Protein backbone atom coordinates (compact mmCIF):
# COMPACT_ATOMS: atom_id res chain seq x y z
CA MET A 1 -69.19 157.79 21.40
CA LEU A 2 -68.25 155.56 24.33
CA TRP A 3 -64.98 153.75 23.65
CA ILE A 4 -64.70 151.14 26.39
CA GLY A 5 -62.74 147.94 26.89
CA SER A 6 -60.46 146.13 29.28
CA HIS A 7 -57.10 144.51 29.69
CA VAL A 8 -57.04 141.28 27.66
CA GLY A 9 -54.46 138.57 27.02
CA PHE A 10 -51.92 138.28 24.21
CA GLN A 11 -51.07 134.64 23.50
CA LYS A 12 -48.17 133.52 21.33
CA ASN A 13 -50.35 131.41 19.02
CA THR A 14 -53.10 133.98 18.43
CA GLN A 15 -51.45 137.32 19.28
CA LEU A 16 -53.42 140.45 18.31
CA LEU A 17 -56.21 138.42 16.73
CA GLY A 18 -56.73 136.51 19.97
CA SER A 19 -56.68 139.73 22.01
CA LEU A 20 -59.32 141.22 19.73
CA LYS A 21 -61.57 138.16 19.93
CA GLU A 22 -61.38 138.18 23.73
CA ALA A 23 -62.33 141.86 23.78
CA LEU A 24 -65.28 141.23 21.44
CA SER A 25 -66.47 138.42 23.71
CA TYR A 26 -66.80 141.00 26.52
CA GLY A 27 -68.81 143.40 24.33
CA GLU A 28 -65.92 145.84 24.01
CA ASN A 29 -65.09 148.24 21.21
CA THR A 30 -61.50 148.78 22.30
CA PHE A 31 -58.98 146.96 24.53
CA MET A 32 -55.50 147.00 26.07
CA PHE A 33 -52.83 144.29 26.10
CA TYR A 34 -49.19 143.56 26.86
CA THR A 35 -47.13 142.18 23.97
CA GLY A 36 -45.76 139.54 26.35
CA ALA A 37 -45.63 138.79 30.06
CA PRO A 38 -45.24 142.12 31.92
CA GLN A 39 -42.83 140.60 34.46
CA ASN A 40 -40.20 139.13 32.08
CA THR A 41 -38.42 139.64 28.76
CA LEU A 42 -39.76 136.56 26.93
CA ARG A 43 -41.27 137.70 23.64
CA GLN A 44 -42.51 135.94 20.52
CA SER A 45 -41.91 137.39 17.06
CA ILE A 46 -44.88 139.33 15.75
CA ASN A 47 -46.92 137.25 13.30
CA ASP A 48 -47.89 139.62 10.48
CA THR A 49 -50.63 137.29 9.23
CA LEU A 50 -52.38 137.32 12.60
CA THR A 51 -52.01 141.10 12.76
CA GLU A 52 -53.56 141.51 9.32
CA GLU A 53 -56.45 139.22 10.27
CA ALA A 54 -56.99 141.25 13.42
CA PHE A 55 -57.15 144.54 11.52
CA SER A 56 -59.57 143.00 9.02
CA LEU A 57 -61.84 141.87 11.86
CA MET A 58 -61.61 145.29 13.54
CA LYS A 59 -62.81 146.88 10.32
CA GLU A 60 -65.64 144.36 10.05
CA LYS A 61 -66.74 145.06 13.63
CA GLY A 62 -66.39 148.83 13.37
CA MET A 63 -63.53 149.03 15.87
CA ASP A 64 -61.08 151.92 15.53
CA PRO A 65 -57.48 150.60 15.80
CA SER A 66 -56.33 154.04 16.98
CA LYS A 67 -58.29 153.46 20.21
CA VAL A 68 -56.42 150.22 21.04
CA ILE A 69 -53.76 150.50 23.74
CA VAL A 70 -50.60 148.55 24.60
CA HIS A 71 -49.17 148.59 28.13
CA ALA A 72 -45.40 148.54 28.62
CA PRO A 73 -43.99 145.79 30.88
CA TYR A 74 -43.57 146.43 34.60
CA ILE A 75 -39.90 145.47 34.54
CA VAL A 76 -39.01 148.69 32.75
CA ASN A 77 -37.84 151.25 35.32
CA LEU A 78 -36.04 154.19 33.76
CA CYS A 79 -35.45 155.70 37.23
CA ASN A 80 -33.16 152.90 38.34
CA GLU A 81 -29.58 153.70 37.36
CA ASN A 82 -28.46 150.09 37.87
CA ASN A 83 -30.91 148.90 35.19
CA PHE A 84 -31.07 152.05 33.08
CA ASP A 85 -29.40 150.60 29.97
CA PHE A 86 -31.56 147.47 30.13
CA SER A 87 -34.75 149.52 30.54
CA VAL A 88 -33.88 151.77 27.59
CA SER A 89 -33.01 148.80 25.39
CA PHE A 90 -36.07 146.74 26.32
CA LEU A 91 -38.46 149.70 26.09
CA THR A 92 -37.04 150.49 22.64
CA GLN A 93 -37.81 146.92 21.57
CA GLU A 94 -41.33 147.18 22.98
CA VAL A 95 -42.02 150.41 21.09
CA GLU A 96 -40.78 148.72 17.92
CA ARG A 97 -43.14 145.79 18.55
CA VAL A 98 -46.03 148.18 19.11
CA GLY A 99 -45.20 149.91 15.84
CA LYS A 100 -45.05 146.59 14.00
CA LEU A 101 -48.48 145.73 15.40
CA GLY A 102 -49.86 149.00 14.03
CA ILE A 103 -50.87 150.36 17.46
CA SER A 104 -50.55 154.07 18.20
CA TYR A 105 -50.38 154.27 22.02
CA MET A 106 -48.36 152.57 24.75
CA VAL A 107 -48.93 153.22 28.46
CA LEU A 108 -45.81 153.37 30.66
CA HIS A 109 -45.40 153.50 34.44
CA PRO A 110 -42.87 156.31 34.96
CA GLY A 111 -40.86 154.23 37.45
CA SER A 112 -39.63 154.22 41.05
CA HIS A 113 -36.56 156.18 42.11
CA VAL A 114 -35.61 153.56 44.78
CA GLY A 115 -33.82 156.03 47.02
CA LEU A 116 -32.25 158.29 44.41
CA GLY A 117 -34.70 161.08 45.17
CA ILE A 118 -37.55 162.44 43.10
CA GLU A 119 -35.55 164.98 41.08
CA LYS A 120 -32.87 162.49 40.03
CA GLY A 121 -35.55 159.92 39.27
CA ILE A 122 -37.41 162.35 37.04
CA GLN A 123 -34.22 163.31 35.21
CA ASN A 124 -33.44 159.64 34.57
CA ILE A 125 -36.92 159.14 33.11
CA ILE A 126 -36.47 162.16 30.85
CA ASP A 127 -33.06 160.96 29.66
CA GLY A 128 -34.30 157.43 29.07
CA LEU A 129 -37.42 158.46 27.17
CA ASN A 130 -35.48 160.83 24.94
CA ILE A 131 -33.14 157.97 23.99
CA VAL A 132 -36.04 155.57 23.35
CA ILE A 133 -37.88 158.14 21.25
CA GLN A 134 -34.74 158.90 19.27
CA ASN A 135 -34.16 155.17 18.77
CA THR A 136 -37.68 154.88 17.32
CA LYS A 137 -37.85 158.25 15.56
CA ASP A 138 -39.41 156.72 12.44
CA LEU A 139 -42.41 155.40 14.41
CA ASN A 140 -45.54 157.27 15.48
CA VAL A 141 -46.07 155.41 18.76
CA VAL A 142 -47.06 157.80 21.56
CA ILE A 143 -45.86 156.90 25.07
CA LEU A 144 -48.53 157.69 27.65
CA LEU A 145 -47.16 158.32 31.15
CA GLU A 146 -49.52 156.80 33.70
CA THR A 147 -50.55 158.68 36.82
CA MET A 148 -49.45 156.63 39.82
CA ALA A 149 -50.69 156.06 43.39
CA GLY A 150 -47.42 157.05 45.07
CA LYS A 151 -46.65 153.62 46.49
CA GLY A 152 -43.10 153.36 47.80
CA SER A 153 -40.84 155.61 45.73
CA GLU A 154 -43.08 155.78 42.65
CA VAL A 155 -42.71 158.83 40.45
CA GLY A 156 -45.85 160.30 38.90
CA SER A 157 -48.34 160.50 41.77
CA LYS A 158 -48.48 164.28 41.35
CA LEU A 159 -49.52 166.01 38.14
CA GLU A 160 -46.55 168.32 38.50
CA GLU A 161 -44.18 165.35 38.31
CA ILE A 162 -45.82 164.11 35.09
CA LYS A 163 -45.62 167.66 33.72
CA GLN A 164 -41.92 167.93 34.60
CA ILE A 165 -41.15 164.70 32.74
CA MET A 166 -43.16 165.77 29.69
CA ASP A 167 -41.47 169.17 29.58
CA GLY A 168 -38.10 167.43 29.26
CA ILE A 169 -39.05 165.39 26.19
CA HIS A 170 -37.61 166.74 22.94
CA ASP A 171 -40.34 165.36 20.63
CA GLN A 172 -43.56 166.47 22.32
CA LYS A 173 -45.85 164.64 19.90
CA ARG A 174 -44.44 161.31 21.15
CA VAL A 175 -45.59 161.70 24.77
CA GLY A 176 -48.95 161.99 26.52
CA VAL A 177 -50.78 160.90 29.69
CA CYS A 178 -52.88 157.96 30.86
CA ILE A 179 -54.98 158.86 33.89
CA ASP A 180 -55.90 156.01 36.24
CA THR A 181 -58.89 156.60 38.52
CA CYS A 182 -57.72 154.25 41.27
CA HIS A 183 -54.20 155.67 41.23
CA LEU A 184 -55.45 159.25 41.29
CA HIS A 185 -57.80 158.49 44.20
CA ASP A 186 -55.05 156.71 46.13
CA ALA A 187 -52.65 159.58 45.37
CA GLY A 188 -55.08 162.04 46.97
CA TYR A 189 -57.14 163.46 44.11
CA ASP A 190 -60.92 163.62 44.65
CA MET A 191 -62.61 161.58 41.92
CA SER A 192 -66.06 162.56 43.21
CA ASP A 193 -65.30 166.12 42.03
CA PHE A 194 -63.89 165.19 38.64
CA ASP A 195 -64.69 168.56 37.05
CA SER A 196 -62.37 170.26 39.53
CA PHE A 197 -59.71 167.63 38.90
CA LEU A 198 -59.95 168.16 35.13
CA GLU A 199 -59.61 171.91 35.64
CA GLU A 200 -56.44 171.31 37.63
CA PHE A 201 -55.17 168.81 35.06
CA ASP A 202 -55.84 171.28 32.26
CA SER A 203 -53.99 174.07 34.04
CA VAL A 204 -50.97 171.88 34.83
CA ILE A 205 -50.70 169.64 31.74
CA GLY A 206 -53.60 170.18 29.34
CA ILE A 207 -56.59 167.91 28.72
CA SER A 208 -55.54 167.44 25.10
CA ARG A 209 -52.57 165.38 26.31
CA ILE A 210 -54.80 162.62 27.75
CA GLY A 211 -54.66 159.55 25.52
CA CYS A 212 -56.22 156.89 27.74
CA VAL A 213 -58.25 156.51 30.93
CA HIS A 214 -57.80 153.46 33.16
CA VAL A 215 -61.14 153.00 34.90
CA ASN A 216 -60.75 151.23 38.23
CA ASP A 217 -62.46 151.48 41.57
CA SER A 218 -60.21 151.43 44.65
CA LYS A 219 -60.10 149.22 47.74
CA ASN A 220 -58.42 152.04 49.63
CA ASP A 221 -59.28 155.34 51.25
CA GLN A 222 -58.30 158.50 49.38
CA SER A 223 -54.61 159.41 49.81
CA SER A 224 -53.70 155.88 50.96
CA HIS A 225 -50.93 155.52 48.33
CA LYS A 226 -51.55 151.76 48.13
CA ASP A 227 -52.77 151.02 44.55
CA ARG A 228 -55.27 148.18 45.01
CA HIS A 229 -57.92 148.02 42.30
CA GLU A 230 -61.53 147.09 43.01
CA ASN A 231 -64.44 146.12 40.78
CA ILE A 232 -66.57 148.96 39.43
CA GLY A 233 -68.90 150.32 42.10
CA PHE A 234 -67.61 148.12 44.91
CA GLY A 235 -64.82 150.36 46.10
CA LYS A 236 -64.16 153.74 47.67
CA ILE A 237 -64.68 155.77 44.48
CA GLY A 238 -68.12 154.36 43.70
CA PHE A 239 -70.21 153.70 40.62
CA ASP A 240 -71.74 157.16 40.20
CA SER A 241 -68.39 158.95 40.31
CA LEU A 242 -66.82 156.48 37.88
CA CYS A 243 -69.77 156.79 35.49
CA LYS A 244 -69.41 160.56 35.47
CA ILE A 245 -65.75 160.14 34.52
CA ILE A 246 -66.48 157.54 31.84
CA TYR A 247 -69.18 159.68 30.21
CA HIS A 248 -67.50 163.06 30.72
CA GLU A 249 -67.99 165.15 27.57
CA LYS A 250 -64.39 166.37 27.57
CA LEU A 251 -63.12 162.77 27.41
CA GLU A 252 -65.67 161.48 24.92
CA GLU A 253 -63.17 160.27 22.30
CA ILE A 254 -60.64 158.91 24.80
CA PRO A 255 -60.56 155.10 25.24
CA LYS A 256 -61.62 153.91 28.71
CA ILE A 257 -59.88 150.70 29.84
CA LEU A 258 -60.93 148.55 32.82
CA GLU A 259 -58.20 146.83 34.85
CA THR A 260 -60.50 145.58 37.58
CA PRO A 261 -59.62 142.29 39.32
CA TYR A 262 -60.95 138.88 38.37
CA VAL A 263 -63.61 137.77 40.82
CA GLU A 264 -62.06 135.18 43.17
CA LYS A 265 -58.99 135.39 40.86
CA GLU A 266 -60.85 133.18 38.38
CA TYR A 267 -63.79 134.93 36.73
CA PRO A 268 -63.27 137.89 34.36
CA PRO A 269 -65.71 140.68 35.27
CA TYR A 270 -65.49 142.78 32.13
CA PHE A 271 -68.59 141.66 30.20
CA TYR A 272 -70.81 142.35 33.20
CA GLU A 273 -69.06 145.54 34.29
CA ILE A 274 -69.27 147.01 30.80
CA GLN A 275 -72.91 146.02 30.51
CA MET A 276 -73.57 147.78 33.82
CA ILE A 277 -71.68 150.87 32.64
CA ARG A 278 -73.61 151.00 29.37
CA GLU A 279 -76.89 150.79 31.29
CA LYS A 280 -75.64 153.43 33.76
CA LYS A 281 -77.17 151.49 36.64
CA PHE A 282 -75.25 149.89 39.49
CA ASP A 283 -75.98 146.22 40.12
CA GLU A 284 -75.20 145.28 43.72
CA ASN A 285 -75.52 141.59 42.74
CA LEU A 286 -72.86 141.88 40.04
CA ILE A 287 -70.23 139.81 41.85
CA GLU A 288 -72.63 136.90 42.33
CA LYS A 289 -73.62 137.06 38.66
CA ILE A 290 -69.98 136.90 37.64
CA LYS A 291 -69.41 133.85 39.83
CA MET A 292 -72.29 132.08 38.08
CA GLN A 293 -71.06 132.73 34.53
C-alpha cells in the first residue's frame, strides 16, 4: 500500500486534530508535523481531548497512526558543545510530547559540528541521544536520524556517519533512519539508480532501519551540498526517478512524506503533487494549476 502525505501545520487551538484535517484535505493517508515552531522553544500543552478526537477520526478514515511522523525542531543541535545541555533537555521534552500524542516516530537532523570536527561531532550526538533515550526509557518513540545534504558542517551526509551514530546507541530499538531524496542527491548519491543506492544502504546500515522517506526534488546538481527542495518533477532528480523510489517494493510499508516548497511561497502543492504521484504521470502544467487553486 502507498502511504503518502506531507508536512502539515500544528496549531495551538486544533493541534493533532487540525494537522490530521489538513492532511485529509490534501488526499493524504499519513502526514508529518512539528509539535511547535521548529525555530523556537514556545510550546503549548498537549490537549488530550483533541488528540483523542484525532485518533477517532484516523480510525474512521482508515489511517494508521503508526505511519504518522513528527519532526524534531531545528534548534536542537547535539553536536554543539555550547548548547549541548539545552539540546538534550529540549529534545527530551519533545520526545515526551511525541509520546503523549501517541506517535511512534520522530525525525531528527543529526546536527552540525560547527568546527569541532566530524568525529567529535558524532560522539556528541551519540552521547546526547543516549541521555535522551535514557530520560525517556518508558516511551516507545523511535528517533529517526535524517540523511543530510552536507551543507556547512552538517553531520550525516554519508551513510557511514549515520551508521557510526547508530552503532553508539545503547538501545538499538529506539533509533532508525529517515532518508531524504533531495539531501541524498545533494550529498552525492545517485537517485536515478535507486536500486544500487538501496544495496549500499543495506550493506552499510540495513533497509529494515528505514522508518520514513522524505520525498523531495532538488533545485541543485548532484553533490552540490546545498539542500534546496524543489517541487516533484521540476528539479534535478525528476519525476520518474522519484516515482520509482516512492513505489519501490522494498519500501512499500514506509511512509513517504513530501516537504516540497509552497508555490510562490503561498500555495500548498501537496494535493496536486500527490494526485500526480498516484496517477504516476508527470504534469508539466502542475505549477500553473496550483496557482489557480
